Amino acid sequence: MKISKQWLAGMALVALSPFAAAAPNLITNGSFESNGADFISGSFTTFAAGSGALLGWDITTGSVDLINTHWQPSHGNYSLDLSGGSDGTIAQSFATVIGQKYVVSFDMAGNPDDTDALKYLQVGLSQQPIYTFDTTGKSRADMGWTTKSFVFQAVSTQSTLHFAGLQDSPYGVALDNVSVSAVPEPETFAMLLAGLGLIGAAARRKRQAAAQ
């Protein structure tokens, strides 16, 4: 009996699921689905610094556009343009354990409505990486969302993640599906490898049984 790739993939997901469930997202409203009562359903709404419109997030500088139907989101029904009337910054603080490593993940694209194809995003924690996105060939219906991630090690009991648009125009970088989760300890990886070893052994037994 031939072991299909789909079967192996399914078994791998079974092995991984307990570890994924053990590392919840530490970010509130990572997909910007929970918004203030002043949001009007439609194409998009602009919010300025201090508005408190995005549950869990502080808009600390400039302004951002909360996008509804204007373009295709990466996750859920909403996303952000980090340049509203001007470049904006959003930030959120969350509890961390000193010395623990965490993985930050987010989806990015770019506002395709202007001719300036390159969009710039600064992501801040213990480091200040700058990410770029090229909107060439993209459209509102096909945004070309890509997932970015990096790992940081907490140096205090509270960490603050911020995203800043660097476009100097109202047509900025698009952001969605933000998450932060703890990186499993080495013992957890060892348990995962053991589980995958059992999957491999089961696959070998099935092949041997089919050959008899």
C-alpha atoms as a PDB file:
ATOM      1  CA  MET A   1       0.000   0.000   0.000  1.00  0.00           C
ATOM      2  CA  LYS A   2       1.409   3.373  -1.001  1.00  0.00           C
ATOM      3  CA  ILE A   3       1.624   6.045   1.707  1.00  0.00           C
ATOM      4  CA  SER A   4       0.271   9.300   0.313  1.00  0.00           C
ATOM      5  CA  LYS A   5       1.772  12.709   0.978  1.00  0.00           C
ATOM      6  CA  GLN A   6      -1.666  13.829   2.131  1.00  0.00           C
ATOM      7  CA  TRP A   7      -1.752  11.111   4.806  1.00  0.00           C
ATOM      8  CA  LEU A   8       1.710  12.034   6.091  1.00  0.00           C
ATOM      9  CA  ALA A   9       0.797  15.730   6.133  1.00  0.00           C
ATOM     10  CA  GLY A  10      -2.363  14.970   8.071  1.00  0.00           C
ATOM     11  CA  MET A  11      -0.465  12.902  10.628  1.00  0.00           C
ATOM     12  CA  ALA A  12       2.112  15.686  10.995  1.00  0.00           C
ATOM     13  CA  LEU A  13      -0.673  18.145  11.773  1.00  0.00           C
ATOM     14  CA  VAL A  14      -1.993  15.772  14.431  1.00  0.00           C
ATOM     15  CA  ALA A  15       1.465  15.670  16.009  1.00  0.00           C
ATOM     16  CA  LEU A  16       1.883  19.453  15.826  1.00  0.00           C
ATOM     17  CA  SER A  17      -1.573  20.475  17.046  1.00  0.00           C
ATOM     18  CA  PRO A  18      -0.953  20.106  20.810  1.00  0.00           C
ATOM     19  CA  PHE A  19       2.074  22.400  20.567  1.00  0.00           C
ATOM     20  CA  ALA A  20       0.257  24.996  18.461  1.00  0.00           C
ATOM     21  CA  ALA A  21      -2.594  25.032  20.992  1.00  0.00           C
ATOM     22  CA  ALA A  22      -0.087  25.520  23.820  1.00  0.00           C
ATOM     23  CA  ALA A  23       1.258  28.753  22.288  1.00  0.00           C
ATOM     24  CA  PRO A  24      -1.648  31.221  22.108  1.00  0.00           C
ATOM     25  CA  ASN A  25      -1.478  34.537  20.329  1.00  0.00           C
ATOM     26  CA  LEU A  26      -0.454  37.207  22.839  1.00  0.00           C
ATOM     27  CA  ILE A  27      -1.752  39.997  20.601  1.00  0.00           C
ATOM     28  CA  THR A  28      -5.284  41.341  21.040  1.00  0.00           C
ATOM     29  CA  ASN A  29      -7.214  42.048  17.835  1.00  0.00           C
ATOM     30  CA  GLY A  30      -4.356  40.999  15.558  1.00  0.00           C
ATOM     31  CA  SER A  31      -6.597  41.069  12.476  1.00  0.00           C
ATOM     32  CA  PHE A  32      -8.303  44.369  13.418  1.00  0.00           C
ATOM     33  CA  GLU A  33     -11.751  42.773  13.511  1.00  0.00           C
ATOM     34  CA  SER A  34     -12.822  44.490  16.773  1.00  0.00           C
ATOM     35  CA  ASN A  35     -13.243  48.207  16.212  1.00  0.00           C
ATOM     36  CA  GLY A  36     -14.756  51.200  17.984  1.00  0.00           C
ATOM     37  CA  ALA A  37     -18.377  52.200  17.598  1.00  0.00           C
ATOM     38  CA  ASP A  38     -17.304  55.194  15.510  1.00  0.00           C
ATOM     39  CA  PHE A  39     -16.307  52.905  12.636  1.00  0.00           C
ATOM     40  CA  ILE A  40     -18.675  53.257   9.701  1.00  0.00           C
ATOM     41  CA  SER A  41     -19.008  50.163   7.507  1.00  0.00           C
ATOM     42  CA  GLY A  42     -17.907  50.855   3.966  1.00  0.00           C
ATOM     43  CA  SER A  43     -14.714  51.165   1.991  1.00  0.00           C
ATOM     44  CA  PHE A  44     -12.424  52.459   4.769  1.00  0.00           C
ATOM     45  CA  THR A  45     -12.327  54.831   7.730  1.00  0.00           C
ATOM     46  CA  THR A  46      -9.383  56.997   8.800  1.00  0.00           C
ATOM     47  CA  PHE A  47      -8.401  57.195  12.468  1.00  0.00           C
ATOM     48  CA  ALA A  48      -5.871  59.620  13.931  1.00  0.00           C
ATOM     49  CA  ALA A  49      -3.476  59.225  16.843  1.00  0.00           C
ATOM     50  CA  GLY A  50      -5.242  58.887  20.195  1.00  0.00           C
ATOM     51  CA  SER A  51      -8.618  57.877  18.732  1.00  0.00           C
ATOM     52  CA  GLY A  52      -8.814  54.517  20.567  1.00  0.00           C
ATOM     53  CA  ALA A  53     -10.654  53.028  17.591  1.00  0.00           C
ATOM     54  CA  LEU A  54      -8.704  49.769  17.373  1.00  0.00           C
ATOM     55  CA  LEU A  55      -9.282  47.466  20.334  1.00  0.00           C
ATOM     56  CA  GLY A  56      -5.942  46.506  21.888  1.00  0.00           C
ATOM     57  CA  TRP A  57      -3.892  48.931  19.794  1.00  0.00           C
ATOM     58  CA  ASP A  58      -2.728  52.488  20.391  1.00  0.00           C
ATOM     59  CA  ILE A  59      -2.425  54.755  17.363  1.00  0.00           C
ATOM     60  CA  THR A  60       0.610  56.680  18.573  1.00  0.00           C
ATOM     61  CA  THR A  61       1.476  58.941  15.622  1.00  0.00           C
ATOM     62  CA  GLY A  62      -0.118  60.155  12.399  1.00  0.00           C
ATOM     63  CA  SER A  63      -3.185  58.295  11.176  1.00  0.00           C
ATOM     64  CA  VAL A  64      -4.182  54.924   9.716  1.00  0.00           C
ATOM     65  CA  ASP A  65      -6.971  53.688   7.467  1.00  0.00           C
ATOM     66  CA  LEU A  66      -9.062  50.791   8.702  1.00  0.00           C
ATOM     67  CA  ILE A  67      -9.866  48.995   5.453  1.00  0.00           C
ATOM     68  CA  ASN A  68     -13.144  47.143   5.004  1.00  0.00           C
ATOM     69  CA  THR A  69     -14.291  46.651   1.397  1.00  0.00           C
ATOM     70  CA  HIS A  70     -11.660  48.801  -0.307  1.00  0.00           C
ATOM     71  CA  TRP A  71      -9.366  45.813  -0.885  1.00  0.00           C
ATOM     72  CA  GLN A  72      -8.990  42.115  -0.158  1.00  0.00           C
ATOM     73  CA  PRO A  73      -7.875  41.440   3.448  1.00  0.00           C
ATOM     74  CA  SER A  74      -5.419  38.726   4.354  1.00  0.00           C
ATOM     75  CA  HIS A  75      -7.520  37.417   7.241  1.00  0.00           C
ATOM     76  CA  GLY A  76     -11.066  38.145   8.366  1.00  0.00           C
ATOM     77  CA  ASN A  77     -12.841  41.221   7.038  1.00  0.00           C
ATOM     78  CA  TYR A  78     -10.488  44.078   7.894  1.00  0.00           C
ATOM     79  CA  SER A  79      -6.890  45.202   7.469  1.00  0.00           C
ATOM     80  CA  LEU A  80      -4.921  48.426   7.885  1.00  0.00           C
ATOM     81  CA  ASP A  81      -3.245  50.939   5.622  1.00  0.00           C
ATOM     82  CA  LEU A  82      -0.518  52.344   7.874  1.00  0.00           C
ATOM     83  CA  SER A  83      -0.654  55.656   6.023  1.00  0.00           C
ATOM     84  CA  GLY A  84      -3.953  57.446   6.512  1.00  0.00           C
ATOM     85  CA  GLY A  85      -3.733  61.173   5.901  1.00  0.00           C
ATOM     86  CA  SER A  86      -0.085  60.783   6.921  1.00  0.00           C
ATOM     87  CA  ASP A  87       2.212  57.959   8.006  1.00  0.00           C
ATOM     88  CA  GLY A  88       0.879  56.309  11.140  1.00  0.00           C
ATOM     89  CA  THR A  89       2.212  54.093  13.928  1.00  0.00           C
ATOM     90  CA  ILE A  90       0.305  51.527  15.964  1.00  0.00           C
ATOM     91  CA  ALA A  91       1.594  49.837  19.114  1.00  0.00           C
ATOM     92  CA  GLN A  92       0.537  47.163  21.578  1.00  0.00           C
ATOM     93  CA  SER A  93       2.144  45.986  24.839  1.00  0.00           C
ATOM     94  CA  PHE A  94       1.892  42.426  26.145  1.00  0.00           C
ATOM     95  CA  ALA A  95       3.254  40.369  29.030  1.00  0.00           C
ATOM     96  CA  THR A  96       6.497  38.465  28.429  1.00  0.00           C
ATOM     97  CA  VAL A  97       8.905  36.318  30.438  1.00  0.00           C
ATOM     98  CA  ILE A  98      12.485  37.566  30.653  1.00  0.00           C
ATOM     99  CA  GLY A  99      14.763  35.307  28.603  1.00  0.00           C
ATOM    100  CA  GLN A 100      11.877  33.637  26.757  1.00  0.00           C
ATOM    101  CA  LYS A 101      11.964  33.740  22.963  1.00  0.00           C
ATOM    102  CA  TYR A 102       8.898  34.773  20.997  1.00  0.00           C
ATOM    103  CA  VAL A 103       8.029  34.684  17.319  1.00  0.00           C
ATOM    104  CA  VAL A 104       6.338  37.698  15.731  1.00  0.00           C
ATOM    105  CA  SER A 105       4.330  37.025  12.580  1.00  0.00           C
ATOM    106  CA  PHE A 106       2.339  39.378  10.365  1.00  0.00           C
ATOM    107  CA  ASP A 107       0.977  39.657   6.837  1.00  0.00           C
ATOM    108  CA  MET A 108       1.920  42.628   4.699  1.00  0.00           C
ATOM    109  CA  ALA A 109       1.021  44.018   1.289  1.00  0.00           C
ATOM    110  CA  GLY A 110       0.736  47.541  -0.088  1.00  0.00           C
ATOM    111  CA  ASN A 111      -1.850  50.075  -1.176  1.00  0.00           C
ATOM    112  CA  PRO A 112      -1.990  49.575  -4.978  1.00  0.00           C
ATOM    113  CA  ASP A 113      -3.786  52.848  -5.727  1.00  0.00           C
ATOM    114  CA  ASP A 114      -0.746  54.969  -6.618  1.00  0.00           C
ATOM    115  CA  THR A 115       2.318  54.741  -8.852  1.00  0.00           C
ATOM    116  CA  ASP A 116       4.824  54.515  -5.978  1.00  0.00           C
ATOM    117  CA  ALA A 117       5.206  50.725  -6.021  1.00  0.00           C
ATOM    118  CA  LEU A 118       7.607  50.215  -3.109  1.00  0.00           C
ATOM    119  CA  LYS A 119       6.044  50.355   0.361  1.00  0.00           C
ATOM    120  CA  TYR A 120       8.051  50.545   3.584  1.00  0.00           C
ATOM    121  CA  LEU A 121       7.249  49.208   7.049  1.00  0.00           C
ATOM    122  CA  GLN A 122       9.238  49.489  10.269  1.00  0.00           C
ATOM    123  CA  VAL A 123       8.579  46.879  12.950  1.00  0.00           C
ATOM    124  CA  GLY A 124       9.859  47.595  16.439  1.00  0.00           C
ATOM    125  CA  LEU A 125      10.713  45.516  19.500  1.00  0.00           C
ATOM    126  CA  SER A 126      14.281  44.931  20.581  1.00  0.00           C
ATOM    127  CA  GLN A 127      15.264  45.523  16.958  1.00  0.00           C
ATOM    128  CA  GLN A 128      14.128  47.896  14.225  1.00  0.00           C
ATOM    129  CA  PRO A 129      13.930  45.943  10.960  1.00  0.00           C
ATOM    130  CA  ILE A 130      12.487  47.657   7.889  1.00  0.00           C
ATOM    131  CA  TYR A 131      10.436  45.577   5.466  1.00  0.00           C
ATOM    132  CA  THR A 132       9.546  46.461   1.884  1.00  0.00           C
ATOM    133  CA  PHE A 133       6.709  45.348  -0.379  1.00  0.00           C
ATOM    134  CA  ASP A 134       6.453  45.837  -4.136  1.00  0.00           C
ATOM    135  CA  THR A 135       2.902  46.441  -5.397  1.00  0.00           C
ATOM    136  CA  THR A 136       3.852  46.009  -9.064  1.00  0.00           C
ATOM    137  CA  GLY A 137       1.216  43.820 -10.710  1.00  0.00           C
ATOM    138  CA  LYS A 138      -0.988  43.836  -7.590  1.00  0.00           C
ATOM    139  CA  SER A 139      -4.579  45.062  -7.327  1.00  0.00           C
ATOM    140  CA  ARG A 140      -7.303  45.527  -4.737  1.00  0.00           C
ATOM    141  CA  ALA A 141      -8.662  42.090  -5.644  1.00  0.00           C
ATOM    142  CA  ASP A 142      -5.221  40.464  -5.637  1.00  0.00           C
ATOM    143  CA  MET A 143      -3.111  42.151  -2.982  1.00  0.00           C
ATOM    144  CA  GLY A 144      -0.349  39.539  -2.927  1.00  0.00           C
ATOM    145  CA  TRP A 145      -0.233  39.295   0.867  1.00  0.00           C
ATOM    146  CA  THR A 146       3.012  37.817   2.207  1.00  0.00           C
ATOM    147  CA  THR A 147       3.774  36.556   5.707  1.00  0.00           C
ATOM    148  CA  LYS A 148       6.833  37.897   7.542  1.00  0.00           C
ATOM    149  CA  SER A 149       8.213  36.737  10.870  1.00  0.00           C
ATOM    150  CA  PHE A 150      11.128  37.154  13.241  1.00  0.00           C
ATOM    151  CA  VAL A 151      12.146  35.947  16.707  1.00  0.00           C
ATOM    152  CA  PHE A 152      13.043  38.128  19.685  1.00  0.00           C
ATOM    153  CA  GLN A 153      14.110  37.388  23.244  1.00  0.00           C
ATOM    154  CA  ALA A 154      12.267  39.253  25.983  1.00  0.00           C
ATOM    155  CA  VAL A 155      14.357  41.493  28.235  1.00  0.00           C
ATOM    156  CA  SER A 156      11.510  42.625  30.509  1.00  0.00           C
ATOM    157  CA  THR A 157       8.140  41.462  31.824  1.00  0.00           C
ATOM    158  CA  GLN A 158       6.364  43.626  29.267  1.00  0.00           C
ATOM    159  CA  SER A 159       7.234  44.097  25.603  1.00  0.00           C
ATOM    160  CA  THR A 160       5.804  46.578  23.112  1.00  0.00           C
ATOM    161  CA  LEU A 161       5.379  45.814  19.426  1.00  0.00           C
ATOM    162  CA  HIS A 162       4.903  48.682  17.009  1.00  0.00           C
ATOM    163  CA  PHE A 163       4.340  48.990  13.279  1.00  0.00           C
ATOM    164  CA  ALA A 164       5.149  52.268  11.540  1.00  0.00           C
ATOM    165  CA  GLY A 165       4.421  53.330   7.972  1.00  0.00           C
ATOM    166  CA  LEU A 166       7.347  55.056   6.252  1.00  0.00           C
ATOM    167  CA  GLN A 167       5.696  56.103   3.005  1.00  0.00           C
ATOM    168  CA  ASP A 168       5.383  59.874   3.327  1.00  0.00           C
ATOM    169  CA  SER A 169       2.115  59.649   1.394  1.00  0.00           C
ATOM    170  CA  PRO A 170      -1.495  58.498   1.945  1.00  0.00           C
ATOM    171  CA  TYR A 171      -0.787  55.239   0.069  1.00  0.00           C
ATOM    172  CA  GLY A 172       1.107  53.064   2.497  1.00  0.00           C
ATOM    173  CA  VAL A 173       1.894  49.535   3.505  1.00  0.00           C
ATOM    174  CA  ALA A 174      -1.001  47.177   4.313  1.00  0.00           C
ATOM    175  CA  LEU A 175      -0.967  45.147   7.533  1.00  0.00           C
ATOM    176  CA  ASP A 176      -3.053  42.212   8.788  1.00  0.00           C
ATOM    177  CA  ASN A 177      -3.014  39.005  10.851  1.00  0.00           C
ATOM    178  CA  VAL A 178      -0.498  40.019  13.545  1.00  0.00           C
ATOM    179  CA  SER A 179       0.509  37.414  16.112  1.00  0.00           C
ATOM    180  CA  VAL A 180       3.096  36.898  18.853  1.00  0.00           C
ATOM    181  CA  SER A 181       3.600  33.501  20.468  1.00  0.00           C
ATOM    182  CA  ALA A 182       6.197  31.878  22.683  1.00  0.00           C
ATOM    183  CA  VAL A 183       8.780  29.664  20.981  1.00  0.00           C
ATOM    184  CA  PRO A 184       8.549  26.102  22.380  1.00  0.00           C
ATOM    185  CA  GLU A 185      11.338  25.058  24.735  1.00  0.00           C
ATOM    186  CA  PRO A 186      13.875  22.428  23.544  1.00  0.00           C
ATOM    187  CA  GLU A 187      12.039  19.747  25.522  1.00  0.00           C
ATOM    188  CA  THR A 188       8.903  20.480  23.501  1.00  0.00           C
ATOM    189  CA  PHE A 189      10.823  20.138  20.246  1.00  0.00           C
ATOM    190  CA  ALA A 190      12.168  16.792  21.490  1.00  0.00           C
ATOM    191  CA  MET A 191       8.622  15.601  22.143  1.00  0.00           C
ATOM    192  CA  LEU A 192       7.607  16.797  18.676  1.00  0.00           C
ATOM    193  CA  LEU A 193      10.469  14.899  17.049  1.00  0.00           C
ATOM    194  CA  ALA A 194       9.491  11.784  18.990  1.00  0.00           C
ATOM    195  CA  GLY A 195       5.942  12.150  17.714  1.00  0.00           C
ATOM    196  CA  LEU A 196       7.137  12.538  14.143  1.00  0.00           C
ATOM    197  CA  GLY A 197       9.316   9.457  14.660  1.00  0.00           C
ATOM    198  CA  LEU A 198       6.210   7.480  15.566  1.00  0.00           C
ATOM    199  CA  ILE A 199       4.563   8.743  12.375  1.00  0.00           C
ATOM    200  CA  GLY A 200       7.543   7.516  10.346  1.00  0.00           C
ATOM    201  CA  ALA A 201       7.442   4.121  12.059  1.00  0.00           C
ATOM    202  CA  ALA A 202       3.733   3.797  11.299  1.00  0.00           C
ATOM    203  CA  ALA A 203       4.384   4.639   7.662  1.00  0.00           C
ATOM    204  CA  ARG A 204       7.101   1.966   7.442  1.00  0.00           C
ATOM    205  CA  ARG A 205       4.807  -0.641   8.978  1.00  0.00           C
ATOM    206  CA  LYS A 206       2.100   0.170   6.450  1.00  0.00           C
ATOM    207  CA  ARG A 207       4.577  -0.177   3.581  1.00  0.00           C
ATOM    208  CA  GLN A 208       5.845  -3.519   4.926  1.00  0.00           C
ATOM    209  CA  ALA A 209       2.315  -4.825   5.360  1.00  0.00           C
ATOM    210  CA  ALA A 210       1.451  -3.837   1.801  1.00  0.00           C
ATOM    211  CA  ALA A 211       4.541  -5.613   0.444  1.00  0.00           C
ATOM    212  CA  GLN A 212       3.616  -8.973   2.071  1.00  0.00           C
END
